[in-house]
Protein backbone atom coordinates (compact mmCIF):
# COMPACT_ATOMS: atom_id res chain seq x y z
CA MET A 1 37.68 59.20 -98.24
CA ARG A 2 37.87 61.00 -94.75
CA PRO A 3 39.64 59.02 -92.04
CA SER A 4 36.78 59.04 -90.02
CA PHE A 5 34.52 57.26 -92.52
CA LEU A 6 37.07 54.67 -93.09
CA ARG A 7 37.01 54.02 -89.37
CA ALA A 8 33.40 53.78 -89.08
CA ARG A 9 33.27 51.56 -92.28
CA HIS A 10 36.02 49.22 -90.77
CA ALA A 11 34.44 49.25 -87.42
CA ALA A 12 30.77 48.34 -88.74
CA VAL A 13 32.29 45.49 -90.90
CA ALA A 14 33.99 44.04 -87.89
CA LEU A 15 30.65 44.44 -85.93
CA LEU A 16 28.77 42.82 -88.94
CA GLY A 17 31.14 40.07 -88.97
CA CYS A 18 30.64 39.39 -85.16
CA ALA A 19 26.99 39.31 -85.72
CA ALA A 20 27.07 36.70 -88.58
CA PHE A 21 29.38 34.57 -86.07
CA VAL A 22 26.42 34.20 -83.68
CA PRO A 23 24.09 31.77 -85.52
CA ALA A 24 27.16 29.38 -86.19
CA VAL A 25 27.94 29.64 -82.23
CA PHE A 26 24.28 28.72 -81.34
CA ALA A 27 24.35 25.89 -83.87
CA GLN A 28 27.17 24.39 -81.83
CA ASP A 29 24.90 24.33 -78.70
CA THR A 30 28.15 25.28 -76.69
CA ALA A 31 27.18 28.83 -75.89
CA HIS A 32 24.90 29.89 -73.15
CA GLY A 33 23.37 33.10 -71.73
CA ASP A 34 20.27 35.37 -72.40
CA ILE A 35 18.72 36.72 -75.46
CA GLY A 36 15.59 39.13 -75.52
CA ILE A 37 14.10 42.46 -75.70
CA GLY A 38 13.61 45.32 -73.06
CA VAL A 39 12.07 48.38 -72.62
CA VAL A 40 14.27 51.38 -71.10
CA SER A 41 12.57 54.61 -69.73
CA ARG A 42 15.32 57.27 -69.37
CA PRO A 43 16.19 61.02 -70.19
CA GLU A 44 15.65 62.23 -73.59
CA TYR A 45 19.24 63.15 -73.42
CA ILE A 46 21.66 63.64 -70.51
CA GLY A 47 20.58 66.47 -68.52
CA SER A 48 16.75 66.65 -69.78
CA ASP A 49 14.00 66.74 -67.48
CA ARG A 50 11.85 65.13 -70.08
CA ARG A 51 11.70 61.22 -70.36
CA GLN A 52 11.22 58.62 -73.28
CA ALA A 53 10.70 55.01 -73.65
CA ASN A 54 12.76 52.94 -76.14
CA ALA A 55 12.93 49.37 -77.10
CA VAL A 56 16.30 47.73 -76.56
CA PRO A 57 17.68 44.33 -77.27
CA VAL A 58 18.98 42.05 -74.59
CA LEU A 59 22.28 39.98 -75.20
CA ARG A 60 24.61 38.41 -72.73
CA VAL A 61 26.08 35.28 -74.10
CA ASP A 62 29.20 33.32 -72.97
CA LEU A 63 30.90 32.01 -76.06
CA PRO A 64 32.68 28.52 -76.05
CA THR A 65 35.87 30.09 -75.12
CA PRO A 66 36.13 31.98 -71.82
CA TYR A 67 38.30 34.62 -73.84
CA ALA A 68 35.27 36.16 -75.82
CA TYR A 69 31.82 37.37 -75.08
CA LEU A 70 28.80 39.10 -76.79
CA GLY A 71 26.53 41.59 -74.84
CA ASN A 72 27.02 43.74 -71.91
CA ARG A 73 28.43 41.18 -69.57
CA TYR A 74 31.15 43.86 -68.23
CA GLY A 75 28.84 46.81 -68.78
CA GLY A 76 28.39 49.32 -72.08
CA ASN A 77 25.90 48.73 -74.96
CA SER A 78 24.05 45.16 -75.27
CA LEU A 79 25.36 45.26 -79.25
CA GLN A 80 28.79 44.23 -78.07
CA PHE A 81 31.40 41.73 -78.82
CA GLY A 82 34.38 41.51 -76.26
CA PHE A 83 37.84 39.67 -76.77
CA THR A 84 39.42 39.08 -73.40
CA PRO A 85 42.92 37.48 -73.94
CA LEU A 86 43.44 38.39 -70.23
CA ASN A 87 41.31 35.84 -68.33
CA THR A 88 43.03 33.92 -65.50
CA GLY A 89 42.77 33.98 -61.75
CA GLY A 90 40.61 36.85 -60.77
CA TRP A 91 41.86 39.17 -63.71
CA VAL A 92 40.06 39.87 -66.91
CA GLY A 93 41.22 42.45 -69.75
CA GLY A 94 40.67 42.85 -73.34
CA ILE A 95 39.02 45.04 -76.01
CA SER A 96 35.62 45.34 -77.24
CA LEU A 97 33.39 46.71 -80.16
CA SER A 98 29.97 47.96 -79.74
CA TYR A 99 26.88 49.86 -81.24
CA GLN A 100 24.66 52.36 -79.43
CA ASN A 101 21.27 51.01 -78.95
CA ILE A 102 19.91 54.34 -78.64
CA ALA A 103 20.83 57.80 -80.26
CA PRO A 104 22.43 60.03 -77.29
CA ARG A 105 20.30 63.18 -78.62
CA LYS A 106 17.74 63.90 -81.18
CA THR A 107 16.94 67.74 -81.32
CA SER A 108 13.68 67.19 -82.79
CA ASP A 109 12.56 65.54 -79.64
CA ASP A 110 12.74 68.82 -77.55
CA ASP A 111 12.18 72.49 -78.42
CA TYR A 112 14.84 73.29 -75.91
CA LEU A 113 17.36 71.91 -78.40
CA ARG A 114 16.36 73.98 -81.37
CA GLY A 115 19.30 74.96 -83.22
CA LEU A 116 21.58 72.41 -81.97
CA GLN A 117 23.08 69.34 -83.78
CA ASP A 118 21.82 65.67 -83.32
CA ILE A 119 24.08 63.17 -81.59
CA ASP A 120 23.99 60.07 -83.76
CA ARG A 121 24.47 56.61 -82.68
CA SER A 122 28.18 55.51 -83.02
CA VAL A 123 30.33 52.26 -83.11
CA LEU A 124 32.45 52.38 -80.07
CA GLY A 125 35.94 50.82 -79.57
CA GLY A 126 37.30 50.18 -76.23
CA PHE A 127 39.46 48.51 -73.86
CA LEU A 128 38.48 46.60 -70.47
CA LEU A 129 40.25 45.82 -67.05
CA GLY A 130 38.54 43.99 -64.50
CA TYR A 131 39.11 42.05 -61.37
CA ARG A 132 36.82 39.25 -59.74
CA PHE A 133 36.55 39.02 -56.03
CA ARG A 134 34.47 36.58 -53.77
CA PRO A 135 31.74 35.07 -55.71
CA GLY A 136 29.57 37.57 -57.86
CA GLY A 137 31.86 40.52 -57.17
CA LEU A 138 33.57 42.69 -60.08
CA VAL A 139 35.29 45.87 -60.07
CA SER A 140 36.10 47.24 -63.81
CA LEU A 141 37.42 50.01 -65.68
CA ARG A 142 36.21 50.27 -69.30
CA SER A 143 36.84 52.92 -72.06
CA ASP A 144 34.57 53.69 -75.04
CA THR A 145 36.03 55.51 -77.98
CA ASP A 146 33.85 56.90 -81.01
CA LEU A 147 34.99 55.24 -84.33
CA SER A 148 32.35 56.68 -86.29
CA GLY A 149 33.52 60.32 -86.41
CA HIS A 150 30.44 61.67 -84.58
CA GLY A 151 32.48 63.73 -82.00
CA GLN A 152 31.46 61.68 -78.93
CA GLY A 153 35.21 61.32 -77.92
CA THR A 154 36.27 59.11 -75.19
CA THR A 155 34.74 57.98 -72.02
CA LEU A 156 36.12 55.96 -69.11
CA THR A 157 33.71 54.24 -66.75
CA LEU A 158 34.82 52.82 -63.16
CA ALA A 159 32.43 50.29 -61.78
CA ALA A 160 31.82 47.93 -58.97
CA GLN A 161 28.91 45.36 -58.59
CA GLN A 162 27.90 42.40 -56.31
CA VAL A 163 25.61 39.70 -57.04
CA PHE A 164 23.50 38.68 -54.11
CA PRO A 165 21.53 35.54 -54.85
CA LEU A 166 18.26 35.22 -52.60
CA SER A 167 17.52 31.91 -54.24
CA ASP A 168 18.19 29.56 -57.05
CA ARG A 169 16.01 31.52 -59.40
CA PHE A 170 16.17 35.10 -58.10
CA ALA A 171 19.15 37.53 -57.71
CA ILE A 172 19.90 41.04 -57.09
CA VAL A 173 23.05 42.97 -58.59
CA ALA A 174 23.96 46.11 -57.12
CA GLY A 175 26.78 48.43 -57.32
CA PRO A 176 28.17 52.16 -57.98
CA ARG A 177 29.68 53.78 -61.21
CA VAL A 178 31.32 56.97 -62.01
CA VAL A 179 31.72 58.19 -65.86
CA TRP A 180 34.66 60.52 -66.89
CA GLY A 181 34.61 62.29 -70.32
CA ASN A 182 37.34 63.77 -72.35
CA ARG A 183 37.16 67.28 -73.57
CA GLN A 184 35.55 66.12 -77.08
CA HIS A 185 32.95 63.96 -75.33
CA ASN A 186 31.99 66.69 -73.01
CA THR A 187 31.79 69.31 -75.61
CA THR A 188 29.55 67.31 -77.75
CA TYR A 189 27.22 66.27 -75.08
CA PHE A 190 27.14 69.51 -72.88
CA GLY A 191 28.91 72.46 -74.98
CA VAL A 192 27.13 75.25 -76.79
CA ASP A 193 29.21 76.88 -79.63
CA THR A 194 26.83 79.77 -80.51
CA ALA A 195 29.35 80.57 -83.47
CA LYS A 196 28.45 77.03 -85.18
CA THR A 197 24.79 76.88 -83.77
CA PRO A 198 23.52 80.51 -84.46
CA GLN A 199 19.93 79.48 -84.32
CA THR A 200 20.12 78.34 -80.63
CA THR A 201 19.05 80.75 -77.84
CA LEU A 202 21.16 79.22 -75.58
CA PRO A 203 24.22 80.85 -73.90
CA GLY A 204 27.64 79.66 -75.13
CA TYR A 205 29.37 77.09 -72.96
CA ARG A 206 32.51 75.36 -73.14
CA ALA A 207 32.74 72.14 -71.42
CA PRO A 208 36.20 70.70 -70.21
CA ALA A 209 37.13 67.38 -69.74
CA GLY A 210 36.09 65.76 -66.40
CA PHE A 211 33.89 63.86 -64.22
CA GLN A 212 30.33 63.44 -65.86
CA GLU A 213 27.99 61.31 -63.65
CA TYR A 214 28.06 59.31 -60.67
CA SER A 215 25.17 56.70 -60.23
CA LEU A 216 23.89 53.80 -58.09
CA ASN A 217 22.81 50.71 -60.18
CA ILE A 218 20.39 47.85 -59.03
CA GLY A 219 19.33 45.13 -61.12
CA LEU A 220 16.96 42.24 -60.45
CA ARG A 221 16.82 38.75 -62.32
CA TYR A 222 14.27 36.01 -61.95
CA ALA A 223 14.63 32.61 -64.05
CA THR A 224 11.40 30.84 -64.50
CA GLU A 225 10.97 26.89 -64.53
CA GLY A 226 11.20 26.95 -68.27
CA ASP A 227 13.80 28.63 -70.31
CA TRP A 228 12.79 32.37 -69.76
CA VAL A 229 14.42 34.96 -67.71
CA LEU A 230 12.61 38.27 -66.43
CA GLY A 231 14.24 41.23 -65.04
CA GLY A 232 14.74 45.04 -64.79
CA GLY A 233 16.72 47.58 -63.10
CA ILE A 234 17.06 51.10 -61.88
CA SER A 235 19.95 53.62 -62.38
CA ALA A 236 19.95 56.81 -60.09
CA GLY A 237 22.67 59.15 -60.91
CA THR A 238 23.63 62.65 -60.68
CA LEU A 239 25.92 64.99 -63.06
CA MET A 240 29.03 66.10 -61.92
CA ALA A 241 31.61 69.08 -61.91
CA ASN A 242 31.32 71.49 -64.35
CA VAL A 243 29.14 69.48 -66.89
CA LYS A 244 26.23 70.29 -64.55
CA ASP A 245 26.80 74.04 -64.88
CA SER A 246 26.08 73.25 -69.13
CA PRO A 247 22.86 75.51 -70.22
CA LEU A 248 21.70 72.27 -71.68
CA VAL A 249 21.42 70.75 -68.18
CA GLN A 250 17.68 71.09 -67.28
CA LYS A 251 17.90 68.54 -64.36
CA GLU A 252 21.03 67.20 -62.46
CA SER A 253 19.54 63.96 -61.22
CA GLN A 254 19.23 61.31 -63.92
CA VAL A 255 17.25 58.27 -63.31
CA THR A 256 16.82 55.13 -65.80
CA VAL A 257 14.49 52.46 -65.47
CA SER A 258 14.26 49.02 -67.48
CA LEU A 259 12.43 45.77 -67.89
CA TYR A 260 13.24 43.02 -70.03
CA ALA A 261 12.22 39.40 -71.05
CA GLY A 262 14.55 36.87 -72.48
CA TRP A 263 15.20 33.34 -73.49
CA HIS A 264 17.86 31.56 -71.49
CA PHE A 265 19.70 28.90 -73.24
């Protein structure tokens, strides 16, 4: 078997194991958090000038131990399990395993991509290092590496956020984020190899490693009198450095809007 296939299989088994663990946690009635569904409106792919809407899961659960969590408590995909053996004082650090909610690119969605390859959803493994400051503040550095062999490479995400509670039920979360991609990642997302994709009409382009995107993110969360939470968010970013010069980029500014409803337990 190919090493990439083995890595993907092992990662998938681990992720399924995490999923199987969830019902047991709920049965203990010791976990707490949000679980629900949301709708995301985003560019069809990074750099697209067209938009699409997708249904996505909402998952943010604190497990009985402070050293593990489910969901995107520290960013990334909501289908995520994290283990944080470093969790003392203001510091938090550990590893995570996640699965992408949405396929990064489907060439069938846009004639502009004709002749190029899809970017399939992947299992991602990574590390996290963060520092919590003052109530509701967090600065974090997170990595995500493709374990499925789909060529997504590795990204590093540096982010900061601050929670602003406006009442007992309503809060705003805001902060900046910058994403760096290695050469493999940027080549897959922004490169054009005319030798491998002779059917494309786009000019060839080599995408080096470098910063990909800078964005400002704002989220809203409202807790009802019952057990429900409502929320949403907007992420307004711009593509950076050599990435924005790719012929695949039709629009440098990238905006993502989301709405969700969930059960709080």
